[in-house]
Structures are given as C-alpha cells and as structure tokens.
Amino acid sequence: MSVALIGSMPIKWRLAAIMADRELDYKQLAQLTEMHPVTISKLKNTYEMPPRLDRETLYKLCKALECQPGDLLRYVEDEKDAEP
C-alpha cells in the first residue's frame, strides 16, 4: 500500500516553520511566488503534506524561500510502525 493512502500521513508539511524562519507572512510569500494570498494561507495552515501539491507550486515555494523540497517535507515515522 502507498504511504499516501495510510490514515494520517507520515509526511509532514513544514511551510509555516520555514516562513517563520524567514520572517515572512503569507502576503509577502504570495508576492514573491506570484500566487494568490488565499492559496498561500491554506498551504501555510496545514501540517500534513497537501494532497495536490504540484511541481510548479513546489518550485515557486522553493525559489521564493531559497530552500530545497526536503526542507518543506519531513518524514515522521508513526510510532505503531516503528520497530521495538
């Protein structure tokens, strides 16, 4: 079974943390990415990987934030899946 299909996804979305590190609010990031502020706000306020994260969005975010895709995504192993 695909990781994306398992209950609460173990891929965490870290956009809010990266924005905080860069001291950017959603309006500033919207200007940098040329994306709609509502879109940025929705992406910022989720902590699980967005279900429809397309390549162009990821590119714009990485370029504006000067980061790598791995900075925005983090694998967090579920405790029940961890070996004893």
N, C-alpha and C. Protein backbone atom coordinates (compact mmCIF):
# COMPACT_ATOMS: atom_id res chain seq x y z
N MET A 1 0.84 -1.17 0.00
CA MET A 1 0.00 0.00 0.00
C MET A 1 0.89 1.24 0.00
N SER A 2 0.47 2.25 -0.74
CA SER A 2 1.22 3.50 -0.82
C SER A 2 1.18 4.26 0.50
N VAL A 3 2.27 4.92 0.83
CA VAL A 3 2.34 5.72 2.05
C VAL A 3 1.23 6.76 2.06
N ALA A 4 0.92 7.34 0.91
CA ALA A 4 -0.08 8.41 0.83
C ALA A 4 -1.48 7.91 1.17
N LEU A 5 -1.72 6.61 1.13
CA LEU A 5 -3.05 6.08 1.37
C LEU A 5 -3.27 5.62 2.79
N ILE A 6 -2.29 5.72 3.64
CA ILE A 6 -2.41 5.25 5.01
C ILE A 6 -2.90 6.39 5.89
N GLY A 7 -4.03 6.20 6.59
CA GLY A 7 -4.60 7.14 7.55
C GLY A 7 -3.96 8.50 7.64
N SER A 8 -3.39 8.84 8.77
CA SER A 8 -2.69 10.10 8.96
C SER A 8 -1.31 9.97 8.33
N MET A 9 -1.07 10.78 7.33
CA MET A 9 0.15 10.65 6.54
C MET A 9 1.40 11.01 7.35
N PRO A 10 2.44 10.18 7.26
CA PRO A 10 3.67 10.45 8.00
C PRO A 10 4.57 11.49 7.32
N ILE A 11 4.10 12.10 6.23
CA ILE A 11 4.85 13.17 5.58
C ILE A 11 4.31 14.49 6.10
N LYS A 12 5.12 15.21 6.84
CA LYS A 12 4.69 16.47 7.44
C LYS A 12 5.11 17.64 6.57
N TRP A 13 4.25 18.63 6.49
CA TRP A 13 4.44 19.83 5.69
C TRP A 13 4.95 20.94 6.60
N ARG A 14 6.07 21.54 6.27
CA ARG A 14 6.74 22.48 7.16
C ARG A 14 6.76 23.92 6.63
N LEU A 15 5.81 24.28 5.79
CA LEU A 15 5.82 25.62 5.22
C LEU A 15 5.75 26.69 6.31
N ALA A 16 4.88 26.52 7.30
CA ALA A 16 4.76 27.53 8.36
C ALA A 16 6.09 27.72 9.08
N ALA A 17 6.80 26.64 9.36
CA ALA A 17 8.08 26.74 10.06
C ALA A 17 9.13 27.45 9.20
N ILE A 18 9.16 27.14 7.92
CA ILE A 18 10.13 27.79 7.02
C ILE A 18 9.81 29.27 6.89
N MET A 19 8.52 29.59 6.78
CA MET A 19 8.12 31.00 6.69
C MET A 19 8.52 31.74 7.96
N ALA A 20 8.34 31.12 9.11
CA ALA A 20 8.72 31.74 10.38
C ALA A 20 10.23 31.97 10.43
N ASP A 21 11.00 30.99 9.98
CA ASP A 21 12.47 31.13 9.94
C ASP A 21 12.88 32.30 9.07
N ARG A 22 12.16 32.51 7.98
CA ARG A 22 12.48 33.58 7.02
C ARG A 22 11.80 34.91 7.39
N GLU A 23 10.98 34.87 8.45
CA GLU A 23 10.23 36.03 8.91
C GLU A 23 9.35 36.62 7.80
N LEU A 24 8.64 35.71 7.12
CA LEU A 24 7.72 36.10 6.05
C LEU A 24 6.29 35.80 6.46
N ASP A 25 5.37 36.70 6.12
CA ASP A 25 3.96 36.37 6.32
C ASP A 25 3.40 35.91 4.99
N TYR A 26 2.15 35.46 5.01
CA TYR A 26 1.57 34.86 3.80
C TYR A 26 1.44 35.87 2.66
N LYS A 27 1.21 37.14 2.99
CA LYS A 27 1.09 38.15 1.94
C LYS A 27 2.42 38.39 1.24
N GLN A 28 3.49 38.42 2.02
CA GLN A 28 4.82 38.59 1.43
C GLN A 28 5.19 37.41 0.56
N LEU A 29 4.90 36.19 1.04
CA LEU A 29 5.21 35.00 0.25
C LEU A 29 4.35 34.95 -1.01
N ALA A 30 3.12 35.40 -0.92
CA ALA A 30 2.26 35.45 -2.10
C ALA A 30 2.86 36.38 -3.16
N GLN A 31 3.40 37.51 -2.74
CA GLN A 31 4.03 38.42 -3.69
C GLN A 31 5.27 37.80 -4.31
N LEU A 32 6.08 37.13 -3.50
CA LEU A 32 7.31 36.52 -4.01
C LEU A 32 7.03 35.38 -4.99
N THR A 33 5.97 34.63 -4.74
CA THR A 33 5.65 33.48 -5.58
C THR A 33 4.68 33.80 -6.71
N GLU A 34 4.07 34.99 -6.63
CA GLU A 34 3.01 35.39 -7.57
C GLU A 34 1.82 34.43 -7.49
N MET A 35 1.60 33.90 -6.28
CA MET A 35 0.45 33.04 -6.03
C MET A 35 -0.58 33.85 -5.25
N HIS A 36 -1.82 33.40 -5.26
CA HIS A 36 -2.89 34.10 -4.55
C HIS A 36 -2.66 33.98 -3.05
N PRO A 37 -2.87 35.07 -2.30
CA PRO A 37 -2.68 35.02 -0.85
C PRO A 37 -3.51 33.95 -0.14
N VAL A 38 -4.71 33.68 -0.62
CA VAL A 38 -5.55 32.64 -0.01
C VAL A 38 -4.90 31.27 -0.19
N THR A 39 -4.32 31.04 -1.34
CA THR A 39 -3.63 29.77 -1.60
C THR A 39 -2.46 29.61 -0.64
N ILE A 40 -1.67 30.65 -0.47
CA ILE A 40 -0.53 30.60 0.45
C ILE A 40 -1.02 30.37 1.87
N SER A 41 -2.07 31.06 2.26
CA SER A 41 -2.62 30.90 3.61
C SER A 41 -3.06 29.46 3.86
N LYS A 42 -3.73 28.86 2.89
CA LYS A 42 -4.17 27.46 3.03
C LYS A 42 -2.96 26.53 3.14
N LEU A 43 -1.95 26.75 2.31
CA LEU A 43 -0.76 25.91 2.36
C LEU A 43 -0.01 26.09 3.68
N LYS A 44 0.00 27.29 4.20
CA LYS A 44 0.70 27.58 5.45
C LYS A 44 0.02 26.93 6.65
N ASN A 45 -1.29 26.88 6.63
CA ASN A 45 -2.05 26.44 7.79
C ASN A 45 -2.36 24.94 7.82
N THR A 46 -1.64 24.17 7.05
CA THR A 46 -1.77 22.73 7.11
C THR A 46 -0.43 22.14 7.53
N TYR A 47 -0.48 21.04 8.27
CA TYR A 47 0.76 20.42 8.75
C TYR A 47 0.98 19.04 8.16
N GLU A 48 0.07 18.60 7.31
CA GLU A 48 0.28 17.37 6.55
C GLU A 48 0.50 17.77 5.10
N MET A 49 1.24 16.96 4.39
CA MET A 49 1.54 17.26 3.00
C MET A 49 0.24 17.51 2.24
N PRO A 50 0.16 18.63 1.51
CA PRO A 50 -1.05 18.90 0.73
C PRO A 50 -1.32 17.76 -0.25
N PRO A 51 -2.57 17.33 -0.37
CA PRO A 51 -2.89 16.20 -1.24
C PRO A 51 -2.61 16.46 -2.71
N ARG A 52 -2.67 17.70 -3.12
CA ARG A 52 -2.42 18.03 -4.53
C ARG A 52 -1.32 19.08 -4.65
N LEU A 53 -0.16 18.69 -4.30
CA LEU A 53 0.99 19.59 -4.40
C LEU A 53 1.64 19.37 -5.75
N ASP A 54 1.47 20.35 -6.64
CA ASP A 54 2.03 20.15 -7.98
C ASP A 54 3.46 20.70 -8.06
N ARG A 55 4.13 20.31 -9.09
CA ARG A 55 5.54 20.64 -9.29
C ARG A 55 5.77 22.15 -9.37
N GLU A 56 4.88 22.86 -10.05
CA GLU A 56 5.04 24.31 -10.20
C GLU A 56 4.94 25.03 -8.85
N THR A 57 3.99 24.60 -8.02
CA THR A 57 3.83 25.20 -6.69
C THR A 57 5.08 24.96 -5.85
N LEU A 58 5.56 23.73 -5.85
CA LEU A 58 6.76 23.39 -5.09
C LEU A 58 7.95 24.21 -5.58
N TYR A 59 8.07 24.35 -6.88
CA TYR A 59 9.15 25.14 -7.48
C TYR A 59 9.09 26.59 -7.01
N LYS A 60 7.91 27.20 -7.09
CA LYS A 60 7.74 28.60 -6.70
C LYS A 60 8.07 28.80 -5.21
N LEU A 61 7.62 27.89 -4.37
CA LEU A 61 7.88 28.00 -2.94
C LEU A 61 9.37 27.87 -2.65
N CYS A 62 10.01 26.88 -3.25
CA CYS A 62 11.45 26.68 -3.03
C CYS A 62 12.26 27.87 -3.52
N LYS A 63 11.90 28.39 -4.66
CA LYS A 63 12.62 29.54 -5.22
C LYS A 63 12.46 30.76 -4.31
N ALA A 64 11.23 31.06 -3.89
CA ALA A 64 10.97 32.23 -3.06
C ALA A 64 11.60 32.11 -1.68
N LEU A 65 11.58 30.89 -1.13
CA LEU A 65 12.09 30.67 0.23
C LEU A 65 13.58 30.30 0.25
N GLU A 66 14.15 30.14 -0.94
CA GLU A 66 15.55 29.73 -1.08
C GLU A 66 15.81 28.47 -0.26
N CYS A 67 15.01 27.44 -0.55
CA CYS A 67 15.15 26.19 0.18
C CYS A 67 15.04 25.01 -0.79
N GLN A 68 15.24 23.83 -0.28
CA GLN A 68 15.10 22.59 -1.04
C GLN A 68 13.74 21.96 -0.72
N PRO A 69 13.20 21.14 -1.62
CA PRO A 69 11.92 20.47 -1.33
C PRO A 69 11.94 19.72 0.00
N GLY A 70 13.07 19.11 0.32
CA GLY A 70 13.19 18.38 1.58
C GLY A 70 13.08 19.26 2.81
N ASP A 71 13.30 20.56 2.64
CA ASP A 71 13.12 21.48 3.77
C ASP A 71 11.64 21.66 4.09
N LEU A 72 10.79 21.52 3.07
CA LEU A 72 9.35 21.69 3.24
C LEU A 72 8.64 20.41 3.64
N LEU A 73 9.25 19.28 3.34
CA LEU A 73 8.64 17.97 3.62
C LEU A 73 9.50 17.20 4.60
N ARG A 74 8.86 16.56 5.56
CA ARG A 74 9.61 15.80 6.56
C ARG A 74 8.88 14.49 6.82
N TYR A 75 9.59 13.38 6.75
CA TYR A 75 9.03 12.07 7.08
C TYR A 75 9.10 11.88 8.59
N VAL A 76 7.96 11.57 9.20
CA VAL A 76 7.89 11.32 10.63
C VAL A 76 7.32 9.93 10.82
N GLU A 77 8.15 9.01 11.27
CA GLU A 77 7.73 7.62 11.43
C GLU A 77 6.64 7.51 12.48
N ASP A 78 5.58 6.80 12.14
CA ASP A 78 4.47 6.56 13.06
C ASP A 78 4.95 5.59 14.15
N GLU A 79 4.58 5.85 15.39
CA GLU A 79 5.05 5.02 16.50
C GLU A 79 4.62 3.56 16.34
N LYS A 80 3.43 3.32 15.80
CA LYS A 80 2.97 1.93 15.67
C LYS A 80 3.73 1.19 14.56
N ASP A 81 4.33 1.95 13.62
CA ASP A 81 5.12 1.33 12.55
C ASP A 81 6.58 1.13 12.93
N ALA A 82 7.01 1.79 14.00
CA ALA A 82 8.41 1.69 14.43
C ALA A 82 8.68 0.31 15.03
N GLU A 83 9.86 -0.18 14.77
CA GLU A 83 10.23 -1.48 15.33
C GLU A 83 10.63 -1.30 16.79
N PRO A 84 10.35 -2.30 17.64
CA PRO A 84 10.69 -2.21 19.06
C PRO A 84 12.18 -2.20 19.31
